[in-house]
């Protein structure tokens, strides 16, 4: 399997998730030599971390949107709540 070796930090959520899904599918087939499996798994772990980070950032942004009488408004995120 050849993966696009762009830095996961430069990938969009959708690109990261798409590549991660391909990696999982490839590894599930079980036809990958051990050394390649380890390399691919490491890439998958980096992509998973990227997706989790992007989802956390998106959740914080959504959490800041508050509905007021005039409609949605943005408030600073409450850290630690």
N, C-alpha and C. Protein backbone atom coordinates (compact mmCIF):
# COMPACT_ATOMS: atom_id res chain seq x y z
N UNK A 1 0.85 -1.18 0.00
CA UNK A 1 0.00 0.00 0.00
C UNK A 1 0.88 1.23 0.00
N UNK A 2 0.57 2.15 -0.87
CA UNK A 2 1.30 3.40 -0.87
C UNK A 2 0.37 4.46 -0.30
N UNK A 3 0.85 5.15 0.73
CA UNK A 3 0.05 6.22 1.33
C UNK A 3 0.67 7.54 0.97
N UNK A 4 -0.16 8.55 0.85
CA UNK A 4 0.32 9.89 0.62
C UNK A 4 0.99 10.33 1.92
N UNK A 5 2.26 10.61 1.87
CA UNK A 5 3.00 10.87 3.09
C UNK A 5 3.02 12.34 3.48
N UNK A 6 1.96 13.08 3.15
CA UNK A 6 1.85 14.46 3.63
C UNK A 6 1.77 14.43 5.15
N UNK A 7 2.30 15.45 5.76
CA UNK A 7 2.21 15.59 7.21
C UNK A 7 0.74 15.62 7.61
N UNK A 8 0.33 14.74 8.53
CA UNK A 8 -1.08 14.74 8.94
C UNK A 8 -1.58 16.11 9.38
N UNK A 9 -0.71 16.93 9.94
CA UNK A 9 -1.13 18.26 10.39
C UNK A 9 -1.56 19.16 9.24
N UNK A 10 -1.16 18.82 8.02
CA UNK A 10 -1.53 19.63 6.87
C UNK A 10 -2.79 19.13 6.17
N UNK A 11 -3.34 18.01 6.63
CA UNK A 11 -4.50 17.42 5.98
C UNK A 11 -5.81 17.91 6.59
N UNK A 12 -6.83 17.99 5.77
CA UNK A 12 -8.16 18.31 6.28
C UNK A 12 -8.68 17.10 7.05
N UNK A 13 -9.73 17.32 7.81
CA UNK A 13 -10.34 16.22 8.55
C UNK A 13 -10.78 15.13 7.58
N UNK A 14 -11.43 15.54 6.50
CA UNK A 14 -11.96 14.58 5.53
C UNK A 14 -10.84 13.77 4.88
N UNK A 15 -9.74 14.43 4.52
CA UNK A 15 -8.61 13.71 3.92
C UNK A 15 -7.97 12.75 4.92
N UNK A 16 -7.84 13.20 6.16
CA UNK A 16 -7.26 12.34 7.20
C UNK A 16 -8.14 11.11 7.43
N UNK A 17 -9.43 11.33 7.54
CA UNK A 17 -10.36 10.23 7.78
C UNK A 17 -10.38 9.26 6.60
N UNK A 18 -10.37 9.78 5.40
CA UNK A 18 -10.37 8.93 4.20
C UNK A 18 -9.13 8.04 4.17
N UNK A 19 -7.98 8.64 4.42
CA UNK A 19 -6.74 7.85 4.43
C UNK A 19 -6.75 6.83 5.56
N UNK A 20 -7.23 7.23 6.71
CA UNK A 20 -7.30 6.32 7.86
C UNK A 20 -8.21 5.12 7.55
N UNK A 21 -9.33 5.38 6.90
CA UNK A 21 -10.23 4.28 6.52
C UNK A 21 -9.56 3.31 5.56
N UNK A 22 -8.78 3.84 4.62
CA UNK A 22 -8.05 2.98 3.68
C UNK A 22 -7.01 2.13 4.41
N UNK A 23 -6.34 2.74 5.37
CA UNK A 23 -5.34 2.00 6.15
C UNK A 23 -5.99 0.87 6.93
N UNK A 24 -7.08 1.16 7.59
CA UNK A 24 -7.78 0.13 8.38
C UNK A 24 -8.21 -1.01 7.46
N UNK A 25 -8.80 -0.67 6.34
CA UNK A 25 -9.24 -1.69 5.39
C UNK A 25 -8.07 -2.55 4.91
N UNK A 26 -6.97 -1.91 4.62
CA UNK A 26 -5.78 -2.62 4.14
C UNK A 26 -5.23 -3.55 5.22
N UNK A 27 -5.15 -3.07 6.44
CA UNK A 27 -4.63 -3.90 7.52
C UNK A 27 -5.59 -5.05 7.86
N UNK A 28 -6.89 -4.81 7.75
CA UNK A 28 -7.86 -5.86 8.05
C UNK A 28 -7.78 -7.03 7.07
N UNK A 29 -7.32 -6.76 5.87
CA UNK A 29 -7.19 -7.85 4.89
C UNK A 29 -6.15 -8.86 5.34
N UNK A 30 -5.16 -8.42 6.11
CA UNK A 30 -4.16 -9.33 6.67
C UNK A 30 -3.09 -9.79 5.71
N UNK A 31 -2.96 -9.12 4.58
CA UNK A 31 -1.97 -9.54 3.58
C UNK A 31 -0.75 -8.62 3.53
N UNK A 32 -0.52 -7.91 4.62
CA UNK A 32 0.58 -6.95 4.68
C UNK A 32 1.73 -7.55 5.48
N UNK A 33 2.95 -7.50 4.95
CA UNK A 33 4.10 -7.98 5.73
C UNK A 33 4.22 -7.21 7.05
N UNK A 34 4.79 -7.85 8.04
CA UNK A 34 4.87 -7.27 9.39
C UNK A 34 5.50 -5.88 9.40
N UNK A 35 6.64 -5.72 8.75
CA UNK A 35 7.31 -4.41 8.76
C UNK A 35 6.43 -3.33 8.15
N UNK A 36 5.75 -3.66 7.06
CA UNK A 36 4.85 -2.70 6.44
C UNK A 36 3.64 -2.42 7.34
N UNK A 37 3.14 -3.46 8.00
CA UNK A 37 2.01 -3.28 8.92
C UNK A 37 2.36 -2.28 10.02
N UNK A 38 3.56 -2.39 10.55
CA UNK A 38 3.98 -1.48 11.62
C UNK A 38 4.07 -0.06 11.09
N UNK A 39 4.65 0.11 9.91
CA UNK A 39 4.78 1.45 9.30
C UNK A 39 3.40 2.04 9.03
N UNK A 40 2.52 1.23 8.46
CA UNK A 40 1.17 1.70 8.14
C UNK A 40 0.40 2.01 9.43
N UNK A 41 0.57 1.19 10.45
CA UNK A 41 -0.11 1.40 11.72
C UNK A 41 0.32 2.73 12.34
N UNK A 42 1.62 3.03 12.28
CA UNK A 42 2.12 4.30 12.82
C UNK A 42 1.48 5.48 12.09
N UNK A 43 1.37 5.36 10.77
CA UNK A 43 0.73 6.42 9.97
C UNK A 43 -0.74 6.55 10.40
N UNK A 44 -1.40 5.43 10.58
CA UNK A 44 -2.79 5.46 11.02
C UNK A 44 -2.96 6.11 12.38
N UNK A 45 -2.04 5.84 13.29
CA UNK A 45 -2.10 6.44 14.63
C UNK A 45 -1.96 7.96 14.54
N UNK A 46 -1.07 8.43 13.66
CA UNK A 46 -0.90 9.88 13.49
C UNK A 46 -2.15 10.50 12.88
N UNK A 47 -2.75 9.82 11.93
CA UNK A 47 -3.98 10.33 11.31
C UNK A 47 -5.13 10.34 12.32
N UNK A 48 -5.21 9.30 13.14
CA UNK A 48 -6.25 9.23 14.18
C UNK A 48 -6.11 10.40 15.15
N UNK A 49 -4.88 10.68 15.57
CA UNK A 49 -4.64 11.79 16.48
C UNK A 49 -5.05 13.11 15.84
N UNK A 50 -4.77 13.26 14.55
CA UNK A 50 -5.14 14.48 13.82
C UNK A 50 -6.66 14.63 13.80
N UNK A 51 -7.37 13.56 13.49
CA UNK A 51 -8.83 13.61 13.45
C UNK A 51 -9.40 13.97 14.82
N UNK A 52 -8.87 13.34 15.87
CA UNK A 52 -9.35 13.62 17.22
C UNK A 52 -9.13 15.09 17.59
N UNK A 53 -7.98 15.62 17.22
CA UNK A 53 -7.67 17.02 17.51
C UNK A 53 -8.63 17.96 16.78
N UNK A 54 -8.87 17.66 15.51
CA UNK A 54 -9.78 18.50 14.73
C UNK A 54 -11.21 18.42 15.27
N UNK A 55 -11.64 17.24 15.69
CA UNK A 55 -12.98 17.11 16.27
C UNK A 55 -13.09 17.87 17.59
N UNK A 56 -12.05 17.82 18.40
CA UNK A 56 -12.04 18.56 19.67
C UNK A 56 -12.14 20.05 19.40
N UNK A 57 -11.36 20.54 18.44
CA UNK A 57 -11.40 21.96 18.09
C UNK A 57 -12.79 22.37 17.59
N UNK A 58 -13.39 21.52 16.77
CA UNK A 58 -14.73 21.80 16.25
C UNK A 58 -15.75 21.82 17.38
N UNK A 59 -15.62 20.88 18.32
CA UNK A 59 -16.55 20.83 19.45
C UNK A 59 -16.43 22.09 20.30
N UNK A 60 -15.21 22.56 20.54
CA UNK A 60 -15.03 23.80 21.30
C UNK A 60 -15.68 24.98 20.60
N UNK A 61 -15.54 25.01 19.28
CA UNK A 61 -16.14 26.10 18.51
C UNK A 61 -17.67 26.04 18.60
N UNK A 62 -18.23 24.86 18.45
CA UNK A 62 -19.68 24.70 18.54
C UNK A 62 -20.16 25.04 19.95
N UNK A 63 -19.41 24.63 20.96
CA UNK A 63 -19.79 24.92 22.34
C UNK A 63 -19.85 26.41 22.63
N UNK A 64 -19.14 27.20 21.85
CA UNK A 64 -19.11 28.64 22.07
C UNK A 64 -20.32 29.35 21.48
N UNK A 65 -21.08 28.66 20.64
CA UNK A 65 -22.25 29.27 20.02
C UNK A 65 -23.42 29.16 21.00
N UNK A 66 -23.96 30.30 21.33
CA UNK A 66 -25.06 30.37 22.30
C UNK A 66 -26.25 31.03 21.60
N UNK A 67 -27.43 30.46 21.81
CA UNK A 67 -28.63 31.07 21.22
C UNK A 67 -29.14 32.17 22.15
N UNK A 68 -29.24 33.35 21.60
CA UNK A 68 -29.78 34.48 22.34
C UNK A 68 -31.06 34.96 21.68
N UNK A 69 -31.66 36.02 22.21
CA UNK A 69 -32.91 36.52 21.64
C UNK A 69 -32.77 36.95 20.18
N UNK A 70 -31.60 37.40 19.79
CA UNK A 70 -31.36 37.84 18.42
C UNK A 70 -30.79 36.72 17.55
N UNK A 71 -30.71 35.53 18.07
CA UNK A 71 -30.15 34.41 17.31
C UNK A 71 -28.84 33.96 17.92
N UNK A 72 -28.07 33.18 17.17
CA UNK A 72 -26.82 32.65 17.72
C UNK A 72 -25.78 33.75 17.91
N UNK A 73 -25.01 33.62 18.97
CA UNK A 73 -23.88 34.52 19.21
C UNK A 73 -22.72 33.68 19.72
N UNK A 74 -21.55 34.21 19.62
CA UNK A 74 -20.34 33.50 20.04
C UNK A 74 -19.93 34.03 21.42
N UNK A 75 -19.63 33.09 22.31
CA UNK A 75 -19.09 33.45 23.62
C UNK A 75 -17.77 32.73 23.81
N UNK A 76 -16.90 33.29 24.63
CA UNK A 76 -15.63 32.61 24.89
C UNK A 76 -15.88 31.23 25.49
N UNK A 77 -15.04 30.29 25.13
CA UNK A 77 -15.15 28.94 25.67
C UNK A 77 -14.88 28.98 27.17
N UNK A 78 -15.61 28.18 27.92
CA UNK A 78 -15.40 28.07 29.35
C UNK A 78 -14.44 26.91 29.58
N UNK A 79 -13.25 27.23 29.99
CA UNK A 79 -12.23 26.21 30.23
C UNK A 79 -12.48 25.56 31.59
N UNK A 80 -12.43 24.24 31.61
CA UNK A 80 -12.56 23.50 32.86
C UNK A 80 -13.99 23.20 33.27
N UNK A 81 -14.94 23.41 32.38
CA UNK A 81 -16.33 23.07 32.75
C UNK A 81 -16.84 21.90 31.98
